[in-house]
Amino acid sequence: MKEIYFNDRQGQTLLTEEERRGLRFKHVTTLSEVDELEHRNIESGLIWLSLNKKKEYLTDSFFRELHKKLFGEVWSWAGQYRTSAKNIGIEYWKVPTEVLKLCDDAEYWIKNESYSWIELMARFHHKLVYIHPFANGNGRFSRIMTNYLCFKNNIHRPKWGAPLPQKQRRETYIKALREADLKDYTPLIKFLSL
């Protein structure tokens, strides 16, 4: 198979050969074509999410179902936790346990008002990105899931650095995530508030 998933973007997850073979469109030859297919799939996944009536959303099964709705038309492995090491994220065998722990933590934080909403969003989002549960699409999935967490709790969704130009927004976002890796959530909180 022709190599189409280059590591030419800062913060991009590398795919294994087996994961690349999971692309459902064998005629695709460029990264921009993959991006377009994923974008269309995400749009249909967001429609599914907007119509979702499930009350339980902080669960392992909901995370996997949402990822499949967002990426399943493009990737055969969508909705399945990754089974390979990545250039970012925890060890793959820890993913199911850490996802469950994050769901439990988030429910506790909400119920007990452990943090301000903006800090809760930053902590939730960072931890989900840090776990990196899927082979690909983790940043987009984590942003969508964070927005959904806000929606389900009647909170304004984060701004995600909206006024910044796209390149600067991505650089600021990745830098803020790296600071959160060191337990400094201030840059990520600021980014969510822009």
C-alpha atoms as a PDB file:
ATOM      1  CA  MET A   1       0.000   0.000   0.000  1.00  0.00           C
ATOM      2  CA  LYS A   2       1.245   3.462  -0.874  1.00  0.00           C
ATOM      3  CA  GLU A   3       2.360   5.475   2.182  1.00  0.00           C
ATOM      4  CA  ILE A   4      -0.182   8.242   2.636  1.00  0.00           C
ATOM      5  CA  TYR A   5      -0.117   9.013   6.332  1.00  0.00           C
ATOM      6  CA  PHE A   6       2.975  11.144   6.707  1.00  0.00           C
ATOM      7  CA  ASN A   7       4.253  12.506   9.980  1.00  0.00           C
ATOM      8  CA  ASP A   8       4.380  16.012   8.549  1.00  0.00           C
ATOM      9  CA  ARG A   9       2.198  17.670  11.149  1.00  0.00           C
ATOM     10  CA  GLN A  10       3.271  18.573  14.636  1.00  0.00           C
ATOM     11  CA  GLY A  11       1.547  16.338  17.176  1.00  0.00           C
ATOM     12  CA  GLN A  12       0.244  13.856  14.601  1.00  0.00           C
ATOM     13  CA  THR A  13      -0.054  10.210  15.600  1.00  0.00           C
ATOM     14  CA  LEU A  14       1.916   7.723  13.532  1.00  0.00           C
ATOM     15  CA  LEU A  15      -0.048   4.774  12.180  1.00  0.00           C
ATOM     16  CA  THR A  16       1.307   1.249  11.864  1.00  0.00           C
ATOM     17  CA  GLU A  17       1.194  -0.523   8.517  1.00  0.00           C
ATOM     18  CA  GLU A  18      -1.708  -2.638   9.786  1.00  0.00           C
ATOM     19  CA  GLU A  19      -3.620   0.476  10.871  1.00  0.00           C
ATOM     20  CA  ARG A  20      -3.026   2.116   7.465  1.00  0.00           C
ATOM     21  CA  ARG A  21      -4.493  -1.000   5.823  1.00  0.00           C
ATOM     22  CA  GLY A  22      -7.685  -0.252   7.761  1.00  0.00           C
ATOM     23  CA  LEU A  23      -8.431   2.630   5.379  1.00  0.00           C
ATOM     24  CA  ARG A  24     -11.727   1.719   3.701  1.00  0.00           C
ATOM     25  CA  PHE A  25     -10.959   3.715   0.523  1.00  0.00           C
ATOM     26  CA  LYS A  26      -8.151   1.959  -1.340  1.00  0.00           C
ATOM     27  CA  HIS A  27      -8.112   4.547  -4.143  1.00  0.00           C
ATOM     28  CA  VAL A  28      -6.974   7.326  -1.764  1.00  0.00           C
ATOM     29  CA  THR A  29      -3.383   8.395  -2.313  1.00  0.00           C
ATOM     30  CA  THR A  30      -2.931  11.679  -0.446  1.00  0.00           C
ATOM     31  CA  LEU A  31      -3.220  12.902   3.108  1.00  0.00           C
ATOM     32  CA  SER A  32      -5.566  15.684   2.002  1.00  0.00           C
ATOM     33  CA  GLU A  33      -7.957  13.045   0.597  1.00  0.00           C
ATOM     34  CA  VAL A  34      -7.908  11.210   3.937  1.00  0.00           C
ATOM     35  CA  ASP A  35      -8.548  14.522   5.715  1.00  0.00           C
ATOM     36  CA  GLU A  36     -11.557  15.230   3.485  1.00  0.00           C
ATOM     37  CA  LEU A  37     -13.022  11.765   4.053  1.00  0.00           C
ATOM     38  CA  GLU A  38     -12.556  12.093   7.810  1.00  0.00           C
ATOM     39  CA  HIS A  39     -14.097  15.564   7.779  1.00  0.00           C
ATOM     40  CA  ARG A  40     -17.246  14.265   6.046  1.00  0.00           C
ATOM     41  CA  ASN A  41     -17.439  11.303   8.430  1.00  0.00           C
ATOM     42  CA  ILE A  42     -17.056  13.598  11.460  1.00  0.00           C
ATOM     43  CA  GLU A  43     -19.943  15.732  10.170  1.00  0.00           C
ATOM     44  CA  SER A  44     -22.224  12.686  10.025  1.00  0.00           C
ATOM     45  CA  GLY A  45     -20.954  11.588  13.454  1.00  0.00           C
ATOM     46  CA  LEU A  46     -21.836  14.992  14.894  1.00  0.00           C
ATOM     47  CA  ILE A  47     -25.366  14.651  13.534  1.00  0.00           C
ATOM     48  CA  TRP A  48     -25.635  11.273  15.295  1.00  0.00           C
ATOM     49  CA  LEU A  49     -24.319  12.883  18.491  1.00  0.00           C
ATOM     50  CA  SER A  50     -26.828  15.741  18.311  1.00  0.00           C
ATOM     51  CA  LEU A  51     -29.661  13.202  18.096  1.00  0.00           C
ATOM     52  CA  ASN A  52     -28.270  10.968  20.846  1.00  0.00           C
ATOM     53  CA  LYS A  53     -30.753  10.386  23.672  1.00  0.00           C
ATOM     54  CA  LYS A  54     -28.529   8.297  25.943  1.00  0.00           C
ATOM     55  CA  LYS A  55     -28.132   9.676  29.423  1.00  0.00           C
ATOM     56  CA  GLU A  56     -24.917   7.767  30.085  1.00  0.00           C
ATOM     57  CA  TYR A  57     -22.089   9.384  28.154  1.00  0.00           C
ATOM     58  CA  LEU A  58     -19.122   9.077  30.522  1.00  0.00           C
ATOM     59  CA  THR A  59     -18.640   5.404  29.766  1.00  0.00           C
ATOM     60  CA  ASP A  60     -16.183   3.243  27.935  1.00  0.00           C
ATOM     61  CA  SER A  61     -18.901   1.995  25.559  1.00  0.00           C
ATOM     62  CA  PHE A  62     -20.080   5.524  24.701  1.00  0.00           C
ATOM     63  CA  PHE A  63     -16.511   6.648  23.928  1.00  0.00           C
ATOM     64  CA  ARG A  64     -16.009   3.706  21.578  1.00  0.00           C
ATOM     65  CA  GLU A  65     -19.410   4.156  19.918  1.00  0.00           C
ATOM     66  CA  LEU A  66     -18.804   7.871  19.357  1.00  0.00           C
ATOM     67  CA  HIS A  67     -15.357   7.272  17.870  1.00  0.00           C
ATOM     68  CA  LYS A  68     -16.864   4.713  15.495  1.00  0.00           C
ATOM     69  CA  LYS A  69     -19.576   7.183  14.427  1.00  0.00           C
ATOM     70  CA  LEU A  70     -16.932   9.873  13.821  1.00  0.00           C
ATOM     71  CA  PHE A  71     -14.383   7.743  11.939  1.00  0.00           C
ATOM     72  CA  GLY A  72     -15.987   4.370  11.080  1.00  0.00           C
ATOM     73  CA  GLU A  73     -16.813   5.239   7.473  1.00  0.00           C
ATOM     74  CA  VAL A  74     -13.090   5.842   6.857  1.00  0.00           C
ATOM     75  CA  TRP A  75     -11.246   3.389   9.148  1.00  0.00           C
ATOM     76  CA  SER A  76     -12.175  -0.250   9.805  1.00  0.00           C
ATOM     77  CA  TRP A  77     -10.698  -0.093  13.325  1.00  0.00           C
ATOM     78  CA  ALA A  78     -12.662   2.997  14.409  1.00  0.00           C
ATOM     79  CA  GLY A  79     -14.246   2.559  17.819  1.00  0.00           C
ATOM     80  CA  GLN A  80     -11.657  -0.001  18.908  1.00  0.00           C
ATOM     81  CA  TYR A  81      -8.976   0.931  21.389  1.00  0.00           C
ATOM     82  CA  ARG A  82      -5.512   0.943  19.903  1.00  0.00           C
ATOM     83  CA  THR A  83      -3.328  -2.133  20.166  1.00  0.00           C
ATOM     84  CA  SER A  84      -0.002  -0.552  19.306  1.00  0.00           C
ATOM     85  CA  ALA A  85       2.466   1.854  20.879  1.00  0.00           C
ATOM     86  CA  LYS A  86       2.316   5.432  19.618  1.00  0.00           C
ATOM     87  CA  ASN A  87       4.634   8.407  19.608  1.00  0.00           C
ATOM     88  CA  ILE A  88       2.261   9.939  22.181  1.00  0.00           C
ATOM     89  CA  GLY A  89      -0.095   8.467  24.754  1.00  0.00           C
ATOM     90  CA  ILE A  90       0.088   5.830  27.454  1.00  0.00           C
ATOM     91  CA  GLU A  91       0.937   2.169  26.894  1.00  0.00           C
ATOM     92  CA  TYR A  92      -1.870   0.650  24.831  1.00  0.00           C
ATOM     93  CA  TRP A  93      -2.657  -2.095  27.318  1.00  0.00           C
ATOM     94  CA  LYS A  94      -3.515   0.548  29.955  1.00  0.00           C
ATOM     95  CA  VAL A  95      -6.078   2.326  27.758  1.00  0.00           C
ATOM     96  CA  PRO A  96      -9.299   0.550  28.893  1.00  0.00           C
ATOM     97  CA  THR A  97      -8.482   0.999  32.581  1.00  0.00           C
ATOM     98  CA  GLU A  98      -7.472   4.651  32.184  1.00  0.00           C
ATOM     99  CA  VAL A  99     -10.597   5.465  30.171  1.00  0.00           C
ATOM    100  CA  LEU A 100     -12.763   3.982  32.932  1.00  0.00           C
ATOM    101  CA  LYS A 101     -10.790   5.942  35.525  1.00  0.00           C
ATOM    102  CA  LEU A 102     -11.243   9.186  33.581  1.00  0.00           C
ATOM    103  CA  CYS A 103     -15.000   8.582  33.303  1.00  0.00           C
ATOM    104  CA  ASP A 104     -15.235   7.967  37.044  1.00  0.00           C
ATOM    105  CA  ASP A 105     -13.076  11.019  37.803  1.00  0.00           C
ATOM    106  CA  ALA A 106     -15.156  13.284  35.559  1.00  0.00           C
ATOM    107  CA  GLU A 107     -18.408  12.141  37.173  1.00  0.00           C
ATOM    108  CA  TYR A 108     -16.894  12.796  40.605  1.00  0.00           C
ATOM    109  CA  TRP A 109     -15.572  16.234  39.576  1.00  0.00           C
ATOM    110  CA  ILE A 110     -18.986  17.247  38.242  1.00  0.00           C
ATOM    111  CA  LYS A 111     -20.975  15.894  41.188  1.00  0.00           C
ATOM    112  CA  ASN A 112     -18.677  17.415  43.807  1.00  0.00           C
ATOM    113  CA  GLU A 113     -17.841  20.624  41.926  1.00  0.00           C
ATOM    114  CA  SER A 114     -14.169  19.821  42.408  1.00  0.00           C
ATOM    115  CA  TYR A 115     -12.988  22.443  39.903  1.00  0.00           C
ATOM    116  CA  SER A 116     -14.336  25.478  38.114  1.00  0.00           C
ATOM    117  CA  TRP A 117     -15.927  24.431  34.813  1.00  0.00           C
ATOM    118  CA  ILE A 118     -13.088  25.788  32.718  1.00  0.00           C
ATOM    119  CA  GLU A 119     -10.525  23.851  34.766  1.00  0.00           C
ATOM    120  CA  LEU A 120     -12.681  20.725  34.693  1.00  0.00           C
ATOM    121  CA  MET A 121     -12.832  20.982  30.886  1.00  0.00           C
ATOM    122  CA  ALA A 122      -9.056  21.443  30.705  1.00  0.00           C
ATOM    123  CA  ARG A 123      -8.360  18.469  32.960  1.00  0.00           C
ATOM    124  CA  PHE A 124     -10.869  16.215  31.191  1.00  0.00           C
ATOM    125  CA  HIS A 125      -9.660  17.162  27.729  1.00  0.00           C
ATOM    126  CA  HIS A 126      -5.996  16.848  28.601  1.00  0.00           C
ATOM    127  CA  LYS A 127      -6.420  13.439  30.229  1.00  0.00           C
ATOM    128  CA  LEU A 128      -8.346  12.086  27.264  1.00  0.00           C
ATOM    129  CA  VAL A 129      -5.677  13.304  24.833  1.00  0.00           C
ATOM    130  CA  TYR A 130      -2.968  11.989  27.156  1.00  0.00           C
ATOM    131  CA  ILE A 131      -4.540   8.508  27.221  1.00  0.00           C
ATOM    132  CA  HIS A 132      -4.755   8.602  23.417  1.00  0.00           C
ATOM    133  CA  PRO A 133      -7.218   5.695  23.301  1.00  0.00           C
ATOM    134  CA  PHE A 134      -7.516   5.223  19.530  1.00  0.00           C
ATOM    135  CA  ALA A 135      -5.089   4.697  16.665  1.00  0.00           C
ATOM    136  CA  ASN A 136      -6.048   8.069  15.179  1.00  0.00           C
ATOM    137  CA  GLY A 137      -8.429  10.975  15.632  1.00  0.00           C
ATOM    138  CA  ASN A 138      -7.745  11.434  19.336  1.00  0.00           C
ATOM    139  CA  GLY A 139      -7.449  15.227  19.327  1.00  0.00           C
ATOM    140  CA  ARG A 140     -10.649  15.694  17.350  1.00  0.00           C
ATOM    141  CA  PHE A 141     -12.444  13.036  19.391  1.00  0.00           C
ATOM    142  CA  SER A 142     -11.279  14.638  22.653  1.00  0.00           C
ATOM    143  CA  ARG A 143     -12.409  18.118  21.597  1.00  0.00           C
ATOM    144  CA  ILE A 144     -15.807  16.762  20.529  1.00  0.00           C
ATOM    145  CA  MET A 145     -16.161  14.808  23.762  1.00  0.00           C
ATOM    146  CA  THR A 146     -15.221  17.883  25.815  1.00  0.00           C
ATOM    147  CA  ASN A 147     -17.821  19.939  23.944  1.00  0.00           C
ATOM    148  CA  TYR A 148     -20.382  17.194  24.578  1.00  0.00           C
ATOM    149  CA  LEU A 149     -19.521  17.149  28.291  1.00  0.00           C
ATOM    150  CA  CYS A 150     -20.339  20.876  28.344  1.00  0.00           C
ATOM    151  CA  PHE A 151     -23.562  20.379  26.396  1.00  0.00           C
ATOM    152  CA  LYS A 152     -24.769  17.633  28.743  1.00  0.00           C
ATOM    153  CA  ASN A 153     -24.136  19.932  31.726  1.00  0.00           C
ATOM    154  CA  ASN A 154     -25.573  23.121  30.176  1.00  0.00           C
ATOM    155  CA  ILE A 155     -22.183  24.853  30.140  1.00  0.00           C
ATOM    156  CA  HIS A 156     -20.854  27.010  27.306  1.00  0.00           C
ATOM    157  CA  ARG A 157     -18.413  24.997  25.259  1.00  0.00           C
ATOM    158  CA  PRO A 158     -14.779  26.124  25.127  1.00  0.00           C
ATOM    159  CA  LYS A 159     -13.603  28.529  22.454  1.00  0.00           C
ATOM    160  CA  TRP A 160     -10.562  26.411  21.445  1.00  0.00           C
ATOM    161  CA  GLY A 161      -8.376  29.425  20.647  1.00  0.00           C
ATOM    162  CA  ALA A 162     -10.851  30.568  17.978  1.00  0.00           C
ATOM    163  CA  PRO A 163      -9.462  34.072  17.336  1.00  0.00           C
ATOM    164  CA  LEU A 164      -5.941  32.761  16.645  1.00  0.00           C
ATOM    165  CA  PRO A 165      -4.840  31.979  13.071  1.00  0.00           C
ATOM    166  CA  GLN A 166      -4.999  28.225  12.369  1.00  0.00           C
ATOM    167  CA  LYS A 167      -1.244  27.542  12.486  1.00  0.00           C
ATOM    168  CA  GLN A 168      -0.774  29.558  15.686  1.00  0.00           C
ATOM    169  CA  ARG A 169      -3.874  27.934  17.200  1.00  0.00           C
ATOM    170  CA  ARG A 170      -2.438  24.439  16.648  1.00  0.00           C
ATOM    171  CA  GLU A 171       0.983  25.409  18.024  1.00  0.00           C
ATOM    172  CA  THR A 172      -0.585  27.073  21.081  1.00  0.00           C
ATOM    173  CA  TYR A 173      -2.854  24.069  21.646  1.00  0.00           C
ATOM    174  CA  ILE A 174      -0.009  21.528  21.504  1.00  0.00           C
ATOM    175  CA  LYS A 175       2.182  23.674  23.760  1.00  0.00           C
ATOM    176  CA  ALA A 176      -0.689  23.975  26.268  1.00  0.00           C
ATOM    177  CA  LEU A 177      -1.180  20.190  26.250  1.00  0.00           C
ATOM    178  CA  ARG A 178       2.547  19.697  26.936  1.00  0.00           C
ATOM    179  CA  GLU A 179       2.346  22.101  29.877  1.00  0.00           C
ATOM    180  CA  ALA A 180      -0.653  20.133  31.186  1.00  0.00           C
ATOM    181  CA  ASP A 181       1.506  16.987  30.964  1.00  0.00           C
ATOM    182  CA  LEU A 182       3.610  18.741  33.623  1.00  0.00           C
ATOM    183  CA  LYS A 183       0.457  19.480  35.684  1.00  0.00           C
ATOM    184  CA  ASP A 184       0.296  23.147  34.697  1.00  0.00           C
ATOM    185  CA  TYR A 185      -3.225  23.596  33.306  1.00  0.00           C
ATOM    186  CA  THR A 186      -3.045  27.398  33.113  1.00  0.00           C
ATOM    187  CA  PRO A 187      -2.055  27.589  29.392  1.00  0.00           C
ATOM    188  CA  LEU A 188      -4.757  25.087  28.430  1.00  0.00           C
ATOM    189  CA  ILE A 189      -7.371  26.957  30.490  1.00  0.00           C
ATOM    190  CA  LYS A 190      -6.332  30.160  28.728  1.00  0.00           C
ATOM    191  CA  PHE A 191      -6.526  28.461  25.329  1.00  0.00           C
ATOM    192  CA  LEU A 192     -10.012  27.111  26.076  1.00  0.00           C
ATOM    193  CA  SER A 193     -11.073  30.624  27.109  1.00  0.00           C
ATOM    194  CA  LEU A 194      -9.762  32.492  24.030  1.00  0.00           C
END
